[in-house]
Amino acid sequence: MAPLIRSDEVVVMCGSVGCSNSGGFGDVGGGGWICQAPCLDMIWPSIASLPYKLPGTVSRTACHRAKHHFVRGSQILSQARSSKDHSRSSSLAKEAKFEVEKAIHLDPKDVATHILKAQALELQRFKTLAIDSLNVGLSPLAVKSLSDLGRGDALYKRAELRLSMSRRGRVDLVVENLVAGS
């Protein structure tokens, strides 16, 4: 580990060999450890770039931007659902999916964004991708943040999508999925 450099005003870690306590160039009147200026110039950019948040957490600005993209995506998806023209509905659903993906990029642990993405994909008729997005939203780590009602709705939606994709209408697999999810 690098030696600790201490003066009366500053405490920093230094990996440079220019640090001294021998009474030479690095010694100050207080007798503490001090470092020459080039060492501090090398260290300051790395100290200044350290994050102010814990790893795995989302900053406030990123959280606000994620909420903004989520709300924008839900508004666009609402417009897509109310549109009578299929091509306009599909293009709006695609735009909503891109907004929701921005929100997922900023806050990947938010379950609501994954569910909204699944709804946009379903409107575009990409049912397998919609099921995959619901599976991510219903993963064991993410499902803890859902209420029982929200979890039940997501499980029902996933079962509905699986049933619509099944050629024979195999209800037994869908019921098994619902029982396993609860």
N, C-alpha and C. Protein backbone atom coordinates (compact mmCIF):
# COMPACT_ATOMS: atom_id res chain seq x y z
N MET A 1 0.84 -1.18 0.00
CA MET A 1 0.00 0.00 0.00
C MET A 1 0.88 1.23 0.00
N ALA A 2 0.42 2.25 -0.66
CA ALA A 2 1.18 3.49 -0.77
C ALA A 2 1.24 4.18 0.59
N PRO A 3 2.33 4.91 0.84
CA PRO A 3 2.45 5.61 2.13
C PRO A 3 1.43 6.73 2.25
N LEU A 4 0.99 6.98 3.45
CA LEU A 4 0.05 8.05 3.74
C LEU A 4 0.83 9.35 3.86
N ILE A 5 0.37 10.35 3.15
CA ILE A 5 1.05 11.64 3.16
C ILE A 5 0.19 12.60 3.93
N ARG A 6 0.77 13.19 4.94
CA ARG A 6 -0.02 14.02 5.83
C ARG A 6 0.68 15.35 6.06
N SER A 7 -0.11 16.38 5.96
CA SER A 7 0.37 17.69 6.41
C SER A 7 -0.73 18.24 7.29
N ASP A 8 -0.62 19.47 7.68
CA ASP A 8 -1.63 20.04 8.56
C ASP A 8 -2.97 20.24 7.85
N GLU A 9 -2.96 20.42 6.52
CA GLU A 9 -4.19 20.71 5.80
C GLU A 9 -4.74 19.50 5.03
N VAL A 10 -3.90 18.63 4.49
CA VAL A 10 -4.33 17.63 3.50
C VAL A 10 -3.87 16.25 3.90
N VAL A 11 -4.73 15.25 3.68
CA VAL A 11 -4.35 13.86 3.85
C VAL A 11 -4.67 13.16 2.53
N VAL A 12 -3.65 12.62 1.87
CA VAL A 12 -3.83 11.91 0.60
C VAL A 12 -2.99 10.65 0.59
N MET A 13 -3.32 9.74 -0.30
CA MET A 13 -2.50 8.56 -0.51
C MET A 13 -1.61 8.82 -1.71
N CYS A 14 -0.35 8.45 -1.61
CA CYS A 14 0.58 8.73 -2.70
C CYS A 14 1.33 7.46 -3.05
N GLY A 15 1.42 7.18 -4.34
CA GLY A 15 2.19 6.03 -4.80
C GLY A 15 3.51 6.45 -5.37
N SER A 16 3.82 7.72 -5.34
CA SER A 16 5.03 8.22 -5.94
C SER A 16 6.21 8.05 -4.98
N VAL A 17 7.40 7.96 -5.55
CA VAL A 17 8.60 7.84 -4.73
C VAL A 17 9.09 9.20 -4.27
N GLY A 18 8.41 10.26 -4.62
CA GLY A 18 8.82 11.61 -4.24
C GLY A 18 8.40 11.98 -2.83
N CYS A 19 7.83 11.07 -2.08
CA CYS A 19 7.38 11.36 -0.73
C CYS A 19 8.53 11.12 0.24
N SER A 20 8.66 11.98 1.19
CA SER A 20 9.79 11.84 2.08
C SER A 20 9.47 12.40 3.46
N ASN A 21 10.14 11.85 4.44
CA ASN A 21 10.09 12.40 5.80
C ASN A 21 11.50 12.45 6.35
N SER A 22 12.45 12.62 5.46
CA SER A 22 13.86 12.56 5.87
C SER A 22 14.43 13.91 6.23
N GLY A 23 13.63 14.90 6.26
CA GLY A 23 14.15 16.23 6.58
C GLY A 23 14.62 16.96 5.34
N GLY A 24 14.49 16.34 4.18
CA GLY A 24 14.93 16.96 2.93
C GLY A 24 13.83 17.80 2.34
N PHE A 25 13.58 17.62 1.04
CA PHE A 25 12.63 18.47 0.34
C PHE A 25 11.19 18.29 0.79
N GLY A 26 10.86 17.17 1.39
CA GLY A 26 9.47 16.92 1.72
C GLY A 26 9.10 17.29 3.14
N ASP A 27 10.03 17.65 3.96
CA ASP A 27 9.74 17.92 5.36
C ASP A 27 9.25 19.35 5.53
N VAL A 28 8.23 19.50 6.33
CA VAL A 28 7.73 20.83 6.65
C VAL A 28 7.90 21.04 8.14
N GLY A 29 7.58 22.22 8.58
CA GLY A 29 7.80 22.57 9.97
C GLY A 29 7.08 21.67 10.95
N GLY A 30 5.92 21.14 10.60
CA GLY A 30 5.16 20.30 11.50
C GLY A 30 5.75 18.91 11.66
N GLY A 31 6.70 18.52 10.83
CA GLY A 31 7.33 17.22 10.94
C GLY A 31 6.49 16.09 10.38
N GLY A 32 5.36 16.36 9.74
CA GLY A 32 4.51 15.31 9.19
C GLY A 32 4.93 14.94 7.78
N TRP A 33 4.28 13.91 7.26
CA TRP A 33 4.55 13.48 5.89
C TRP A 33 3.96 14.48 4.92
N ILE A 34 4.68 14.77 3.88
CA ILE A 34 4.15 15.64 2.82
C ILE A 34 4.72 15.16 1.50
N CYS A 35 4.05 15.53 0.44
CA CYS A 35 4.41 15.05 -0.87
C CYS A 35 4.73 16.23 -1.76
N GLN A 36 5.60 15.99 -2.72
CA GLN A 36 5.89 17.07 -3.66
C GLN A 36 4.71 17.28 -4.61
N ALA A 37 4.64 18.40 -5.25
CA ALA A 37 3.50 18.80 -6.06
C ALA A 37 3.17 17.83 -7.21
N PRO A 38 4.14 17.26 -7.93
CA PRO A 38 3.76 16.36 -9.02
C PRO A 38 2.94 15.15 -8.55
N CYS A 39 3.17 14.70 -7.34
CA CYS A 39 2.42 13.56 -6.84
C CYS A 39 0.95 13.92 -6.67
N LEU A 40 0.68 15.09 -6.12
CA LEU A 40 -0.70 15.53 -5.95
C LEU A 40 -1.37 15.77 -7.30
N ASP A 41 -0.59 16.26 -8.28
CA ASP A 41 -1.14 16.44 -9.62
C ASP A 41 -1.53 15.12 -10.25
N MET A 42 -0.83 14.06 -9.92
CA MET A 42 -1.17 12.75 -10.47
C MET A 42 -2.36 12.14 -9.75
N ILE A 43 -2.52 12.44 -8.48
CA ILE A 43 -3.58 11.82 -7.70
C ILE A 43 -4.90 12.56 -7.84
N TRP A 44 -4.90 13.87 -7.95
CA TRP A 44 -6.14 14.63 -7.91
C TRP A 44 -7.16 14.20 -8.96
N PRO A 45 -6.79 13.94 -10.21
CA PRO A 45 -7.81 13.51 -11.17
C PRO A 45 -8.50 12.20 -10.76
N SER A 46 -7.77 11.29 -10.17
CA SER A 46 -8.41 10.05 -9.75
C SER A 46 -9.30 10.25 -8.53
N ILE A 47 -8.93 11.15 -7.65
CA ILE A 47 -9.78 11.44 -6.49
C ILE A 47 -11.03 12.19 -6.93
N ALA A 48 -10.87 13.14 -7.85
CA ALA A 48 -12.01 13.94 -8.30
C ALA A 48 -13.01 13.11 -9.09
N SER A 49 -12.54 12.04 -9.72
CA SER A 49 -13.45 11.23 -10.54
C SER A 49 -14.13 10.11 -9.75
N LEU A 50 -13.84 9.99 -8.46
CA LEU A 50 -14.49 8.96 -7.67
C LEU A 50 -15.99 9.25 -7.57
N PRO A 51 -16.81 8.23 -7.68
CA PRO A 51 -18.26 8.49 -7.59
C PRO A 51 -18.66 8.85 -6.17
N TYR A 52 -19.70 9.64 -6.07
CA TYR A 52 -20.21 10.05 -4.77
C TYR A 52 -21.33 9.14 -4.28
N LYS A 53 -21.55 8.04 -4.97
CA LYS A 53 -22.61 7.12 -4.59
C LYS A 53 -22.03 5.72 -4.44
N LEU A 54 -22.78 4.87 -3.79
CA LEU A 54 -22.34 3.50 -3.62
C LEU A 54 -22.50 2.73 -4.92
N PRO A 55 -21.66 1.73 -5.17
CA PRO A 55 -21.83 0.94 -6.38
C PRO A 55 -23.18 0.22 -6.38
N GLY A 56 -23.82 0.18 -7.53
CA GLY A 56 -25.10 -0.51 -7.63
C GLY A 56 -26.30 0.36 -7.34
N THR A 57 -26.08 1.60 -6.97
CA THR A 57 -27.20 2.50 -6.72
C THR A 57 -27.34 3.45 -7.91
N VAL A 58 -28.47 4.07 -8.02
CA VAL A 58 -28.74 4.99 -9.11
C VAL A 58 -28.73 6.40 -8.54
N SER A 59 -28.04 7.31 -9.21
CA SER A 59 -27.99 8.68 -8.72
C SER A 59 -29.35 9.35 -8.89
N ARG A 60 -29.50 10.47 -8.22
CA ARG A 60 -30.79 11.17 -8.27
C ARG A 60 -31.11 11.65 -9.68
N THR A 61 -30.12 12.21 -10.35
CA THR A 61 -30.38 12.72 -11.69
C THR A 61 -30.71 11.58 -12.64
N ALA A 62 -30.03 10.46 -12.52
CA ALA A 62 -30.33 9.32 -13.38
C ALA A 62 -31.72 8.78 -13.07
N CYS A 63 -32.10 8.80 -11.80
CA CYS A 63 -33.44 8.34 -11.41
C CYS A 63 -34.51 9.26 -11.98
N HIS A 64 -34.27 10.56 -11.92
CA HIS A 64 -35.24 11.51 -12.48
C HIS A 64 -35.34 11.37 -13.99
N ARG A 65 -34.19 11.19 -14.65
CA ARG A 65 -34.22 11.02 -16.10
C ARG A 65 -34.91 9.71 -16.46
N ALA A 66 -34.69 8.65 -15.67
CA ALA A 66 -35.35 7.37 -15.95
C ALA A 66 -36.86 7.51 -15.80
N LYS A 67 -37.30 8.21 -14.76
CA LYS A 67 -38.74 8.44 -14.58
C LYS A 67 -39.32 9.26 -15.74
N HIS A 68 -38.55 10.25 -16.19
CA HIS A 68 -38.99 11.06 -17.32
C HIS A 68 -39.20 10.20 -18.56
N HIS A 69 -38.21 9.33 -18.87
CA HIS A 69 -38.33 8.46 -20.04
C HIS A 69 -39.47 7.46 -19.87
N PHE A 70 -39.66 6.98 -18.64
CA PHE A 70 -40.76 6.04 -18.38
C PHE A 70 -42.12 6.71 -18.63
N VAL A 71 -42.30 7.91 -18.10
CA VAL A 71 -43.57 8.62 -18.28
C VAL A 71 -43.79 8.95 -19.75
N ARG A 72 -42.73 9.40 -20.41
CA ARG A 72 -42.86 9.70 -21.84
C ARG A 72 -43.21 8.45 -22.63
N GLY A 73 -42.57 7.33 -22.30
CA GLY A 73 -42.88 6.07 -22.98
C GLY A 73 -44.30 5.62 -22.74
N SER A 74 -44.79 5.79 -21.52
CA SER A 74 -46.17 5.38 -21.23
C SER A 74 -47.18 6.28 -21.95
N GLN A 75 -46.88 7.57 -22.08
CA GLN A 75 -47.76 8.47 -22.82
C GLN A 75 -47.81 8.10 -24.30
N ILE A 76 -46.65 7.79 -24.86
CA ILE A 76 -46.60 7.41 -26.28
C ILE A 76 -47.31 6.08 -26.49
N LEU A 77 -47.14 5.15 -25.55
CA LEU A 77 -47.82 3.86 -25.67
C LEU A 77 -49.33 4.03 -25.57
N SER A 78 -49.79 4.95 -24.76
CA SER A 78 -51.22 5.23 -24.68
C SER A 78 -51.74 5.77 -26.00
N GLN A 79 -50.98 6.65 -26.63
CA GLN A 79 -51.36 7.15 -27.95
C GLN A 79 -51.39 6.02 -28.97
N ALA A 80 -50.43 5.10 -28.87
CA ALA A 80 -50.38 3.98 -29.81
C ALA A 80 -51.59 3.07 -29.65
N ARG A 81 -52.02 2.86 -28.42
CA ARG A 81 -53.19 2.01 -28.17
C ARG A 81 -54.48 2.65 -28.70
N SER A 82 -54.56 3.96 -28.62
CA SER A 82 -55.78 4.63 -29.05
C SER A 82 -55.82 4.91 -30.55
N SER A 83 -54.72 4.69 -31.23
CA SER A 83 -54.67 4.96 -32.66
C SER A 83 -55.44 3.89 -33.43
N LYS A 84 -56.20 4.31 -34.43
CA LYS A 84 -56.98 3.38 -35.25
C LYS A 84 -56.14 2.78 -36.37
N ASP A 85 -55.16 3.54 -36.84
CA ASP A 85 -54.29 3.10 -37.94
C ASP A 85 -53.20 2.17 -37.39
N HIS A 86 -53.10 0.98 -37.98
CA HIS A 86 -52.13 -0.01 -37.48
C HIS A 86 -50.69 0.45 -37.68
N SER A 87 -50.38 1.07 -38.82
CA SER A 87 -48.99 1.49 -39.06
C SER A 87 -48.59 2.60 -38.09
N ARG A 88 -49.50 3.53 -37.82
CA ARG A 88 -49.21 4.60 -36.84
C ARG A 88 -49.08 4.01 -35.45
N SER A 89 -49.95 3.06 -35.13
CA SER A 89 -49.90 2.41 -33.82
C SER A 89 -48.57 1.68 -33.64
N SER A 90 -48.12 0.99 -34.68
CA SER A 90 -46.86 0.25 -34.61
C SER A 90 -45.67 1.20 -34.48
N SER A 91 -45.69 2.31 -35.22
CA SER A 91 -44.56 3.25 -35.12
C SER A 91 -44.54 3.94 -33.76
N LEU A 92 -45.71 4.25 -33.21
CA LEU A 92 -45.75 4.84 -31.87
C LEU A 92 -45.29 3.84 -30.81
N ALA A 93 -45.67 2.57 -30.98
CA ALA A 93 -45.22 1.55 -30.03
C ALA A 93 -43.71 1.38 -30.10
N LYS A 94 -43.15 1.49 -31.28
CA LYS A 94 -41.70 1.40 -31.44
C LYS A 94 -41.01 2.58 -30.75
N GLU A 95 -41.57 3.76 -30.91
CA GLU A 95 -41.03 4.95 -30.24
C GLU A 95 -41.13 4.81 -28.72
N ALA A 96 -42.25 4.26 -28.25
CA ALA A 96 -42.42 4.05 -26.81
C ALA A 96 -41.39 3.05 -26.30
N LYS A 97 -41.12 2.01 -27.08
CA LYS A 97 -40.13 1.01 -26.68
C LYS A 97 -38.75 1.65 -26.55
N PHE A 98 -38.39 2.55 -27.45
CA PHE A 98 -37.10 3.22 -27.36
C PHE A 98 -37.01 4.11 -26.12
N GLU A 99 -38.09 4.81 -25.79
CA GLU A 99 -38.11 5.62 -24.57
C GLU A 99 -37.95 4.75 -23.32
N VAL A 100 -38.64 3.62 -23.32
CA VAL A 100 -38.56 2.72 -22.16
C VAL A 100 -37.17 2.10 -22.06
N GLU A 101 -36.55 1.81 -23.20
CA GLU A 101 -35.19 1.26 -23.16
C GLU A 101 -34.20 2.28 -22.60
N LYS A 102 -34.43 3.56 -22.85
CA LYS A 102 -33.60 4.60 -22.24
C LYS A 102 -33.76 4.56 -20.71
N ALA A 103 -35.01 4.39 -20.26
CA ALA A 103 -35.26 4.31 -18.82
C ALA A 103 -34.62 3.07 -18.23
N ILE A 104 -34.68 1.95 -18.95
CA ILE A 104 -34.06 0.71 -18.46
C ILE A 104 -32.55 0.87 -18.39
N HIS A 105 -31.98 1.58 -19.35
CA HIS A 105 -30.53 1.81 -19.33
C HIS A 105 -30.12 2.63 -18.11
N LEU A 106 -30.95 3.59 -17.71
CA LEU A 106 -30.62 4.42 -16.56
C LEU A 106 -30.91 3.74 -15.23
N ASP A 107 -31.97 2.92 -15.19
CA ASP A 107 -32.35 2.23 -13.95
C ASP A 107 -32.83 0.82 -14.29
N PRO A 108 -31.90 -0.13 -14.43
CA PRO A 108 -32.29 -1.48 -14.87
C PRO A 108 -33.06 -2.29 -13.83
N LYS A 109 -33.09 -1.87 -12.58
CA LYS A 109 -33.78 -2.64 -11.55
C LYS A 109 -35.27 -2.29 -11.43
N ASP A 110 -35.73 -1.29 -12.15
CA ASP A 110 -37.13 -0.88 -12.07
C ASP A 110 -37.98 -1.86 -12.86
N VAL A 111 -38.87 -2.55 -12.19
CA VAL A 111 -39.69 -3.60 -12.80
C VAL A 111 -40.73 -3.00 -13.73
N ALA A 112 -41.27 -1.85 -13.39
CA ALA A 112 -42.33 -1.24 -14.20
C ALA A 112 -41.86 -0.95 -15.61
N THR A 113 -40.60 -0.59 -15.77
CA THR A 113 -40.10 -0.31 -17.11
C THR A 113 -40.06 -1.57 -17.97
N HIS A 114 -39.71 -2.70 -17.36
CA HIS A 114 -39.69 -3.96 -18.10
C HIS A 114 -41.10 -4.37 -18.52
N ILE A 115 -42.06 -4.14 -17.65
CA ILE A 115 -43.45 -4.48 -17.97
C ILE A 115 -43.97 -3.56 -19.08
N LEU A 116 -43.63 -2.28 -19.01
CA LEU A 116 -44.05 -1.35 -20.06
C LEU A 116 -43.41 -1.70 -21.40
N LYS A 117 -42.15 -2.14 -21.36
CA LYS A 117 -41.49 -2.58 -22.59
C LYS A 117 -42.20 -3.79 -23.18
N ALA A 118 -42.62 -4.71 -22.32
CA ALA A 118 -43.35 -5.88 -22.80
C ALA A 118 -44.66 -5.48 -23.45
N GLN A 119 -45.34 -4.48 -22.90
CA GLN A 119 -46.59 -4.03 -23.49
C GLN A 119 -46.36 -3.38 -24.86
N ALA A 120 -45.27 -2.62 -24.98
CA ALA A 120 -44.94 -2.01 -26.28
C ALA A 120 -44.58 -3.09 -27.30
N LEU A 121 -43.84 -4.10 -26.87
CA LEU A 121 -43.48 -5.19 -27.79
C LEU A 121 -44.71 -5.99 -28.20
N GLU A 122 -45.63 -6.18 -27.28
CA GLU A 122 -46.85 -6.90 -27.62
C GLU A 122 -47.67 -6.14 -28.64
N LEU A 123 -47.72 -4.82 -28.51
CA LEU A 123 -48.45 -4.00 -29.47
C LEU A 123 -47.82 -4.07 -30.86
N GLN A 124 -46.51 -4.29 -30.89
CA GLN A 124 -45.81 -4.46 -32.16
C GLN A 124 -45.90 -5.89 -32.68
N ARG A 125 -46.54 -6.77 -31.91
CA ARG A 125 -46.73 -8.18 -32.24
C ARG A 125 -45.43 -8.99 -32.13
N PHE A 126 -44.54 -8.58 -31.24
CA PHE A 126 -43.34 -9.35 -30.92
C PHE A 126 -43.58 -10.06 -29.59
N LYS A 127 -44.33 -11.13 -29.63
CA LYS A 127 -44.78 -11.77 -28.40
C LYS A 127 -43.67 -12.47 -27.64
N THR A 128 -42.74 -13.10 -28.36
CA THR A 128 -41.65 -13.79 -27.65
C THR A 128 -40.75 -12.79 -26.94
N LEU A 129 -40.48 -11.65 -27.58
CA LEU A 129 -39.68 -10.62 -26.92
C LEU A 129 -40.44 -10.01 -25.74
N ALA A 130 -41.76 -9.91 -25.88
CA ALA A 130 -42.56 -9.40 -24.76
C ALA A 130 -42.50 -10.35 -23.57
N ILE A 131 -42.55 -11.66 -23.86
CA ILE A 131 -42.44 -12.65 -22.77
C ILE A 131 -41.06 -12.57 -22.12
N ASP A 132 -40.02 -12.38 -22.93
CA ASP A 132 -38.67 -12.24 -22.38
C ASP A 132 -38.56 -11.02 -21.47
N SER A 133 -39.16 -9.92 -21.88
CA SER A 133 -39.13 -8.71 -21.06
C SER A 133 -39.90 -8.92 -19.76
N LEU A 134 -41.03 -9.62 -19.83
CA LEU A 134 -41.77 -9.93 -18.60
C LEU A 134 -40.98 -10.87 -17.70
N ASN A 135 -40.25 -11.80 -18.30
CA ASN A 135 -39.42 -12.70 -17.50
C ASN A 135 -38.34 -11.94 -16.74
N VAL A 136 -37.76 -10.92 -17.39
CA VAL A 136 -36.77 -10.09 -16.70
C VAL A 136 -37.43 -9.33 -15.56
N GLY A 137 -38.63 -8.81 -15.82
CA GLY A 137 -39.35 -8.08 -14.77
C GLY A 137 -39.81 -8.97 -13.63
N LEU A 138 -40.03 -10.25 -13.92
CA LEU A 138 -40.49 -11.19 -12.89
C LEU A 138 -39.35 -12.04 -12.32
N SER A 139 -38.11 -11.64 -12.57
CA SER A 139 -36.98 -12.38 -12.01
C SER A 139 -37.00 -12.30 -10.49
N PRO A 140 -36.39 -13.26 -9.82
CA PRO A 140 -36.45 -13.28 -8.34
C PRO A 140 -35.92 -12.02 -7.67
N LEU A 141 -34.90 -11.38 -8.24
CA LEU A 141 -34.38 -10.16 -7.62
C LEU A 141 -35.31 -8.97 -7.82
N ALA A 142 -35.95 -8.91 -8.97
CA ALA A 142 -36.79 -7.75 -9.28
C ALA A 142 -38.19 -7.88 -8.72
N VAL A 143 -38.69 -9.10 -8.59
CA VAL A 143 -40.09 -9.31 -8.19
C VAL A 143 -40.34 -8.86 -6.75
N LYS A 144 -39.30 -8.71 -5.96
CA LYS A 144 -39.47 -8.28 -4.57
C LYS A 144 -40.02 -6.86 -4.48
N SER A 145 -39.76 -6.06 -5.51
CA SER A 145 -40.23 -4.67 -5.46
C SER A 145 -41.66 -4.52 -5.96
N LEU A 146 -42.27 -5.59 -6.46
CA LEU A 146 -43.65 -5.54 -6.93
C LEU A 146 -44.62 -5.86 -5.80
N SER A 147 -45.78 -5.24 -5.87
CA SER A 147 -46.84 -5.60 -4.93
C SER A 147 -47.46 -6.91 -5.40
N ASP A 148 -48.26 -7.52 -4.55
CA ASP A 148 -48.91 -8.77 -4.93
C ASP A 148 -49.82 -8.59 -6.13
N LEU A 149 -50.53 -7.48 -6.17
CA LEU A 149 -51.43 -7.21 -7.28
C LEU A 149 -50.66 -7.00 -8.58
N GLY A 150 -49.56 -6.24 -8.52
CA GLY A 150 -48.73 -6.01 -9.70
C GLY A 150 -48.08 -7.29 -10.20
N ARG A 151 -47.63 -8.11 -9.26
CA ARG A 151 -47.03 -9.39 -9.63
C ARG A 151 -48.07 -10.30 -10.28
N GLY A 152 -49.27 -10.31 -9.72
CA GLY A 152 -50.34 -11.13 -10.30
C GLY A 152 -50.71 -10.67 -11.70
N ASP A 153 -50.76 -9.35 -11.90
CA ASP A 153 -51.06 -8.81 -13.24
C ASP A 153 -49.98 -9.20 -14.24
N ALA A 154 -48.72 -9.11 -13.83
CA ALA A 154 -47.62 -9.46 -14.74
C ALA A 154 -47.64 -10.96 -15.06
N LEU A 155 -47.92 -11.79 -14.04
CA LEU A 155 -48.01 -13.24 -14.28
C LEU A 155 -49.17 -13.56 -15.21
N TYR A 156 -50.29 -12.88 -15.03
CA TYR A 156 -51.46 -13.10 -15.89
C TYR A 156 -51.14 -12.69 -17.33
N LYS A 157 -50.45 -11.56 -17.49
CA LYS A 157 -50.10 -11.09 -18.83
C LYS A 157 -49.16 -12.07 -19.51
N ARG A 158 -48.18 -12.59 -18.76
CA ARG A 158 -47.25 -13.56 -19.33
C ARG A 158 -47.99 -14.84 -19.72
N ALA A 159 -48.92 -15.29 -18.89
CA ALA A 159 -49.70 -16.49 -19.21
C ALA A 159 -50.58 -16.24 -20.44
N GLU A 160 -51.15 -15.06 -20.52
CA GLU A 160 -51.99 -14.72 -21.68
C GLU A 160 -51.17 -14.73 -22.97
N LEU A 161 -49.96 -14.17 -22.91
CA LEU A 161 -49.10 -14.19 -24.09
C LEU A 161 -48.68 -15.61 -24.48
N ARG A 162 -48.35 -16.41 -23.48
CA ARG A 162 -47.96 -17.79 -23.78
C ARG A 162 -49.12 -18.58 -24.36
N LEU A 163 -50.30 -18.35 -23.87
CA LEU A 163 -51.48 -19.05 -24.38
C LEU A 163 -51.78 -18.62 -25.81
N SER A 164 -51.62 -17.35 -26.11
CA SER A 164 -51.88 -16.89 -27.47
C SER A 164 -50.84 -17.40 -28.46
N MET A 165 -49.64 -17.72 -27.98
CA MET A 165 -48.60 -18.24 -28.86
C MET A 165 -48.70 -19.75 -29.04
N SER A 166 -49.37 -20.42 -28.15
CA SER A 166 -49.46 -21.87 -28.21
C SER A 166 -50.36 -22.29 -29.37
N ARG A 167 -49.87 -23.19 -30.18
CA ARG A 167 -50.64 -23.64 -31.35
C ARG A 167 -51.85 -24.47 -30.94
N ARG A 168 -51.69 -25.28 -29.96
CA ARG A 168 -52.78 -26.17 -29.54
C ARG A 168 -53.59 -25.59 -28.38
N GLY A 169 -53.20 -24.44 -27.90
CA GLY A 169 -53.90 -23.87 -26.75
C GLY A 169 -53.68 -24.70 -25.50
N ARG A 170 -52.43 -25.08 -25.28
CA ARG A 170 -52.12 -25.94 -24.14
C ARG A 170 -52.25 -25.17 -22.84
N VAL A 171 -53.39 -25.33 -22.24
CA VAL A 171 -53.72 -24.61 -21.02
C VAL A 171 -52.93 -25.16 -19.84
N ASP A 172 -52.59 -26.43 -19.87
CA ASP A 172 -51.91 -27.04 -18.72
C ASP A 172 -50.56 -26.37 -18.46
N LEU A 173 -49.81 -26.01 -19.52
CA LEU A 173 -48.53 -25.33 -19.31
C LEU A 173 -48.72 -23.93 -18.74
N VAL A 174 -49.76 -23.26 -19.20
CA VAL A 174 -50.03 -21.90 -18.73
C VAL A 174 -50.46 -21.92 -17.26
N VAL A 175 -51.31 -22.87 -16.90
CA VAL A 175 -51.74 -22.98 -15.50
C VAL A 175 -50.56 -23.35 -14.61
N GLU A 176 -49.71 -24.24 -15.10
CA GLU A 176 -48.52 -24.62 -14.34
C GLU A 176 -47.62 -23.42 -14.12
N ASN A 177 -47.50 -22.55 -15.14
CA ASN A 177 -46.71 -21.33 -15.04
C ASN A 177 -47.28 -20.39 -13.99
N LEU A 178 -48.61 -20.26 -13.97
CA LEU A 178 -49.23 -19.38 -12.99
C LEU A 178 -49.07 -19.90 -11.57
N VAL A 179 -49.19 -21.21 -11.39
CA VAL A 179 -49.03 -21.79 -10.05
C VAL A 179 -47.60 -21.67 -9.58
N ALA A 180 -46.62 -21.89 -10.50
CA ALA A 180 -45.22 -21.79 -10.12
C ALA A 180 -44.83 -20.36 -9.80
N GLY A 181 -45.48 -19.40 -10.43
CA GLY A 181 -45.14 -17.99 -10.21
C GLY A 181 -45.68 -17.43 -8.91
N SER A 182 -46.67 -18.08 -8.33
CA SER A 182 -47.28 -17.52 -7.12
C SER A 182 -46.59 -17.98 -5.87
